[in-house]
């Protein structure tokens, strides 16, 4: 196994364990390749909305076990999202290096960082949760069809495609929603005097400088592990966006033995990573 990449912070979100579209095997490969001091799970890791006893494969269980195993070396923060909102009743719970909460504030190398999922600023979530849940089921069905088509395209030696990305990019209302969401989050972050704000929720991985009232803020979105297969990484004082190589062949995970000795963390900390 190749040497793990040391990271100061890694952020993943919108894994949606428990749905057919989740790329759990690819995520395990990614987690196996990194050694972060802090791992932020920024919401919708488990899809409780669409959870079914009939579908929770071994690879999805392995993701949970892998994350728990990482708590032996890394500080792990599980921040709740809308699809795992049932865990919000446990906000503030900590065991060893694992903490569950709704948001996380870190002072990183002199800059105030605000991590949260983002659904609290989604108008659809506030006013029509039933519609959001229905949309979630439709999205899952679209992903299943998309994966079947991509399997055929791969066998034909043709490039894979993303149905939902094409829909999002072509429907003006979807583009406007993404833009509005990013702007609202950036404005609130500036008002709260944060230098960096990090969300998930909209499945749109990006790093970009934004402005509000003449004040800058760095907006980060970690994307998802349903389509984008992305994460955010912080090292040597810089944020970067990681993209899992989409052209990789089918992932086969090795069998692993049970580790009974995995340990199960304040939510606002000042930290500094010295440049090496």
Protein backbone atom coordinates (compact mmCIF):
# COMPACT_ATOMS: atom_id res chain seq x y z
CA UNK A 1 0.00 0.00 0.00
CA UNK A 2 1.35 3.43 -0.93
CA UNK A 3 2.24 5.93 1.79
CA UNK A 4 -0.61 8.05 3.09
CA UNK A 5 -0.66 11.76 2.24
CA UNK A 6 -0.40 13.87 5.42
CA UNK A 7 -3.07 16.60 5.60
CA UNK A 8 -3.91 19.22 8.19
CA UNK A 9 -7.66 19.11 7.45
CA UNK A 10 -9.82 16.98 5.15
CA UNK A 11 -13.52 17.71 4.53
CA UNK A 12 -16.04 15.36 2.95
CA UNK A 13 -19.81 15.69 2.76
CA UNK A 14 -22.90 14.28 1.08
CA UNK A 15 -21.76 10.67 1.03
CA UNK A 16 -25.35 9.43 1.33
CA UNK A 17 -24.59 5.99 2.73
CA UNK A 18 -27.63 3.79 2.24
CA UNK A 19 -28.58 4.84 -1.30
CA UNK A 20 -27.66 3.16 -4.56
CA UNK A 21 -25.79 6.17 -5.89
CA UNK A 22 -23.20 6.28 -3.09
CA UNK A 23 -19.61 5.58 -4.21
CA UNK A 24 -18.58 3.95 -0.94
CA UNK A 25 -15.73 1.86 -2.36
CA UNK A 26 -14.11 4.89 -3.94
CA UNK A 27 -14.47 6.81 -0.67
CA UNK A 28 -12.76 4.02 1.26
CA UNK A 29 -9.86 4.13 -1.19
CA UNK A 30 -9.60 7.88 -0.66
CA UNK A 31 -9.73 7.65 3.13
CA UNK A 32 -7.07 4.94 2.99
CA UNK A 33 -4.81 7.32 1.06
CA UNK A 34 -4.82 10.24 3.52
CA UNK A 35 -3.64 10.92 7.07
CA UNK A 36 -5.45 14.07 8.25
CA UNK A 37 -4.99 15.71 11.64
CA UNK A 38 -8.65 16.78 11.44
CA UNK A 39 -11.44 15.09 9.45
CA UNK A 40 -14.67 17.08 9.01
CA UNK A 41 -17.74 15.11 7.94
CA UNK A 42 -19.90 17.98 6.76
CA UNK A 43 -23.38 16.49 6.70
CA UNK A 44 -25.47 13.91 4.84
CA UNK A 45 -22.95 11.15 5.51
CA UNK A 46 -25.74 8.66 6.22
CA UNK A 47 -28.96 9.09 4.24
CA UNK A 48 -31.51 8.47 6.98
CA UNK A 49 -34.29 9.93 4.80
CA UNK A 50 -34.00 7.04 2.37
CA UNK A 51 -32.58 4.40 4.70
CA UNK A 52 -33.79 0.88 4.01
CA UNK A 53 -32.93 -2.41 5.71
CA UNK A 54 -32.99 -3.94 2.26
CA UNK A 55 -30.02 -1.90 1.05
CA UNK A 56 -26.94 -1.22 3.15
CA UNK A 57 -24.06 -3.15 1.51
CA UNK A 58 -20.79 -4.14 3.15
CA UNK A 59 -18.91 -1.29 1.47
CA UNK A 60 -21.21 1.24 3.19
CA UNK A 61 -20.58 -0.40 6.57
CA UNK A 62 -16.84 -0.34 5.83
CA UNK A 63 -16.97 3.44 5.38
CA UNK A 64 -18.37 3.80 8.91
CA UNK A 65 -15.79 1.39 10.31
CA UNK A 66 -12.99 3.20 8.48
CA UNK A 67 -14.06 6.58 9.91
CA UNK A 68 -14.23 5.13 13.43
CA UNK A 69 -10.78 3.63 12.96
CA UNK A 70 -9.44 7.04 11.92
CA UNK A 71 -10.47 8.47 15.29
CA UNK A 72 -7.47 6.71 16.82
CA UNK A 73 -5.19 9.28 15.11
CA UNK A 74 -7.42 12.06 13.77
CA UNK A 75 -9.91 14.45 15.35
CA UNK A 76 -13.20 13.63 13.63
CA UNK A 77 -16.14 16.06 13.60
CA UNK A 78 -19.49 14.74 12.37
CA UNK A 79 -21.61 17.77 11.44
CA UNK A 80 -25.24 16.97 10.76
CA UNK A 81 -27.09 17.68 7.51
CA UNK A 82 -30.71 17.42 6.41
CA UNK A 83 -30.53 13.76 5.36
CA UNK A 84 -29.05 12.80 8.74
CA UNK A 85 -30.96 15.42 10.76
CA UNK A 86 -32.09 12.71 13.19
CA UNK A 87 -28.59 12.97 14.69
CA UNK A 88 -29.11 16.64 15.62
CA UNK A 89 -30.57 15.55 18.95
CA UNK A 90 -27.05 14.33 19.78
CA UNK A 91 -25.35 17.68 19.02
CA UNK A 92 -22.53 18.24 21.47
CA UNK A 93 -21.91 14.53 22.02
CA UNK A 94 -18.25 13.55 22.13
CA UNK A 95 -16.40 10.29 22.67
CA UNK A 96 -12.63 10.27 22.38
CA UNK A 97 -11.69 12.02 19.15
CA UNK A 98 -15.23 11.85 17.71
CA UNK A 99 -17.61 14.81 18.12
CA UNK A 100 -21.15 15.19 16.77
CA UNK A 101 -22.46 18.74 16.30
CA UNK A 102 -24.35 21.00 13.89
CA UNK A 103 -21.50 23.39 13.13
CA UNK A 104 -17.81 23.80 13.77
CA UNK A 105 -15.74 26.95 14.26
CA UNK A 106 -11.96 26.73 13.94
CA UNK A 107 -9.34 29.45 14.04
CA UNK A 108 -6.90 28.01 11.52
CA UNK A 109 -3.57 29.76 11.02
CA UNK A 110 -5.13 33.06 12.08
CA UNK A 111 -8.29 32.79 9.94
CA UNK A 112 -11.77 32.13 11.32
CA UNK A 113 -13.35 29.10 9.63
CA UNK A 114 -17.06 28.22 9.79
CA UNK A 115 -18.08 24.68 8.84
CA UNK A 116 -21.73 23.63 8.52
CA UNK A 117 -23.80 21.59 6.08
CA UNK A 118 -25.85 24.45 4.61
CA UNK A 119 -29.44 23.17 4.57
CA UNK A 120 -30.49 25.79 7.16
CA UNK A 121 -30.17 28.40 4.39
CA UNK A 122 -32.07 26.35 1.80
CA UNK A 123 -35.55 27.86 1.27
CA UNK A 124 -36.92 24.52 0.02
CA UNK A 125 -35.85 22.83 3.24
CA UNK A 126 -37.48 25.51 5.38
CA UNK A 127 -40.81 25.77 3.58
CA UNK A 128 -41.38 22.46 1.77
CA UNK A 129 -39.47 19.62 3.42
CA UNK A 130 -41.86 17.06 1.88
CA UNK A 131 -40.93 18.39 -1.56
CA UNK A 132 -37.23 18.14 -0.74
CA UNK A 133 -37.70 14.52 0.37
CA UNK A 134 -39.63 13.70 -2.80
CA UNK A 135 -36.89 15.35 -4.84
CA UNK A 136 -34.34 13.23 -2.99
CA UNK A 137 -36.07 10.03 -4.10
CA UNK A 138 -36.25 11.29 -7.68
CA UNK A 139 -32.55 12.20 -7.56
CA UNK A 140 -31.66 8.72 -6.30
CA UNK A 141 -33.63 7.13 -9.18
CA UNK A 142 -31.86 9.41 -11.67
CA UNK A 143 -28.48 8.35 -10.26
CA UNK A 144 -29.37 4.64 -10.57
CA UNK A 145 -30.33 5.09 -14.24
CA UNK A 146 -27.21 7.20 -14.79
CA UNK A 147 -24.93 4.49 -13.37
CA UNK A 148 -26.52 1.82 -15.58
CA UNK A 149 -26.01 4.00 -18.66
CA UNK A 150 -22.41 4.74 -17.64
CA UNK A 151 -21.67 1.03 -17.26
CA UNK A 152 -22.80 0.53 -20.85
CA UNK A 153 -20.80 3.55 -22.05
CA UNK A 154 -17.70 2.27 -20.24
CA UNK A 155 -17.98 -1.13 -21.95
CA UNK A 156 -18.29 0.68 -25.29
CA UNK A 157 -15.14 2.66 -24.49
CA UNK A 158 -17.02 5.95 -24.42
CA UNK A 159 -16.85 8.78 -21.89
CA UNK A 160 -19.17 8.69 -18.87
CA UNK A 161 -21.79 11.40 -18.40
CA UNK A 162 -23.70 12.94 -15.49
CA UNK A 163 -27.43 13.34 -16.05
CA UNK A 164 -28.05 15.53 -13.00
CA UNK A 165 -25.14 17.85 -13.79
CA UNK A 166 -26.57 18.35 -17.28
CA UNK A 167 -29.97 19.14 -15.76
CA UNK A 168 -28.49 21.54 -13.18
CA UNK A 169 -26.41 23.34 -15.77
CA UNK A 170 -29.23 23.66 -18.30
CA UNK A 171 -32.14 24.61 -16.05
CA UNK A 172 -31.95 28.32 -15.24
CA UNK A 173 -33.80 27.88 -11.96
CA UNK A 174 -31.25 25.31 -10.72
CA UNK A 175 -28.33 27.56 -11.67
CA UNK A 176 -30.01 30.48 -9.89
CA UNK A 177 -30.61 28.38 -6.77
CA UNK A 178 -26.91 27.43 -6.54
CA UNK A 179 -25.83 31.02 -7.08
CA UNK A 180 -28.33 32.34 -4.51
CA UNK A 181 -27.28 29.73 -1.96
CA UNK A 182 -23.59 30.59 -2.30
CA UNK A 183 -24.30 34.33 -2.05
CA UNK A 184 -26.52 33.99 1.04
CA UNK A 185 -23.93 31.83 2.81
CA UNK A 186 -21.12 34.26 1.90
CA UNK A 187 -23.11 37.28 3.15
CA UNK A 188 -23.92 35.63 6.48
CA UNK A 189 -20.30 34.52 6.90
CA UNK A 190 -19.09 38.10 6.38
CA UNK A 191 -21.72 39.43 8.80
CA UNK A 192 -20.49 36.92 11.39
CA UNK A 193 -16.90 38.01 10.71
CA UNK A 194 -15.63 34.71 9.30
CA UNK A 195 -12.76 34.59 6.82
CA UNK A 196 -13.67 31.17 5.41
CA UNK A 197 -17.02 29.37 5.17
CA UNK A 198 -17.33 25.69 4.22
CA UNK A 199 -20.56 23.95 3.21
CA UNK A 200 -21.88 20.86 1.45
CA UNK A 201 -25.58 20.27 0.64
CA UNK A 202 -25.79 21.45 -2.99
CA UNK A 203 -23.31 18.91 -4.43
CA UNK A 204 -21.32 21.64 -6.19
CA UNK A 205 -17.59 21.38 -5.31
CA UNK A 206 -15.82 24.72 -5.54
CA UNK A 207 -13.34 27.09 -3.95
CA UNK A 208 -13.91 30.76 -4.71
CA UNK A 209 -13.38 34.23 -3.31
CA UNK A 210 -16.59 36.16 -2.73
CA UNK A 211 -17.45 39.68 -1.58
CA UNK A 212 -20.11 41.28 0.60
CA UNK A 213 -20.15 44.96 1.55
CA UNK A 214 -16.61 45.23 0.23
CA UNK A 215 -15.36 42.49 2.55
CA UNK A 216 -13.88 39.24 1.17
CA UNK A 217 -14.72 35.72 2.26
CA UNK A 218 -13.44 32.40 0.92
CA UNK A 219 -16.36 30.12 0.05
CA UNK A 220 -15.70 26.36 0.03
CA UNK A 221 -17.97 23.49 -0.95
CA UNK A 222 -16.78 19.92 -0.60
CA UNK A 223 -19.12 18.45 -3.22
CA UNK A 224 -20.35 14.89 -2.76
CA UNK A 225 -19.59 11.17 -3.14
CA UNK A 226 -22.56 10.41 -5.36
CA UNK A 227 -21.42 12.16 -8.55
CA UNK A 228 -18.53 14.56 -8.01
CA UNK A 229 -16.40 12.31 -5.75
CA UNK A 230 -14.59 15.28 -4.24
CA UNK A 231 -13.20 16.52 -0.97
CA UNK A 232 -11.52 19.62 0.41
CA UNK A 233 -7.95 19.43 1.70
CA UNK A 234 -5.98 21.93 3.77
CA UNK A 235 -2.20 21.69 3.98
CA UNK A 236 0.73 24.12 4.03
CA UNK A 237 -1.69 27.01 4.65
CA UNK A 238 -3.75 26.41 1.47
CA UNK A 239 -7.12 24.91 0.61
CA UNK A 240 -7.39 22.67 -2.45
CA UNK A 241 -10.13 20.58 -4.05
CA UNK A 242 -9.47 16.85 -4.46
CA UNK A 243 -11.10 14.96 -7.32
CA UNK A 244 -11.17 11.16 -7.24
CA UNK A 245 -9.92 9.84 -10.60
CA UNK A 246 -13.21 9.09 -12.35
CA UNK A 247 -11.54 6.97 -15.03
CA UNK A 248 -10.43 4.31 -12.54
CA UNK A 249 -11.56 0.74 -13.15
CA UNK A 250 -14.01 -0.99 -10.83
CA UNK A 251 -12.88 -0.86 -7.21
CA UNK A 252 -12.37 -4.16 -5.40
CA UNK A 253 -11.93 -3.85 -1.65
CA UNK A 254 -9.80 -6.36 0.25
CA UNK A 255 -11.38 -8.26 3.11
CA UNK A 256 -10.35 -6.87 6.48
CA UNK A 257 -10.47 -8.22 10.00
CA UNK A 258 -12.59 -6.67 12.72
CA UNK A 259 -10.73 -4.19 14.92
CA UNK A 260 -12.44 -4.25 18.35
CA UNK A 261 -10.15 -1.57 19.78
CA UNK A 262 -11.31 1.61 18.02
CA UNK A 263 -11.86 4.59 20.35
CA UNK A 264 -14.87 6.51 20.01
CA UNK A 265 -13.82 15.48 21.54
CA UNK A 266 -14.40 21.67 22.25
CA UNK A 267 -16.13 22.48 19.14
CA UNK A 268 -14.36 25.83 18.82
CA UNK A 269 -10.58 25.71 18.70
CA UNK A 270 -7.54 27.77 17.76
CA UNK A 271 -5.04 25.75 15.76
CA UNK A 272 -1.89 26.51 13.82
CA UNK A 273 -0.14 24.24 11.34
CA UNK A 274 3.56 25.08 11.00
CA UNK A 275 4.85 25.12 7.44
CA UNK A 276 7.22 22.25 6.75
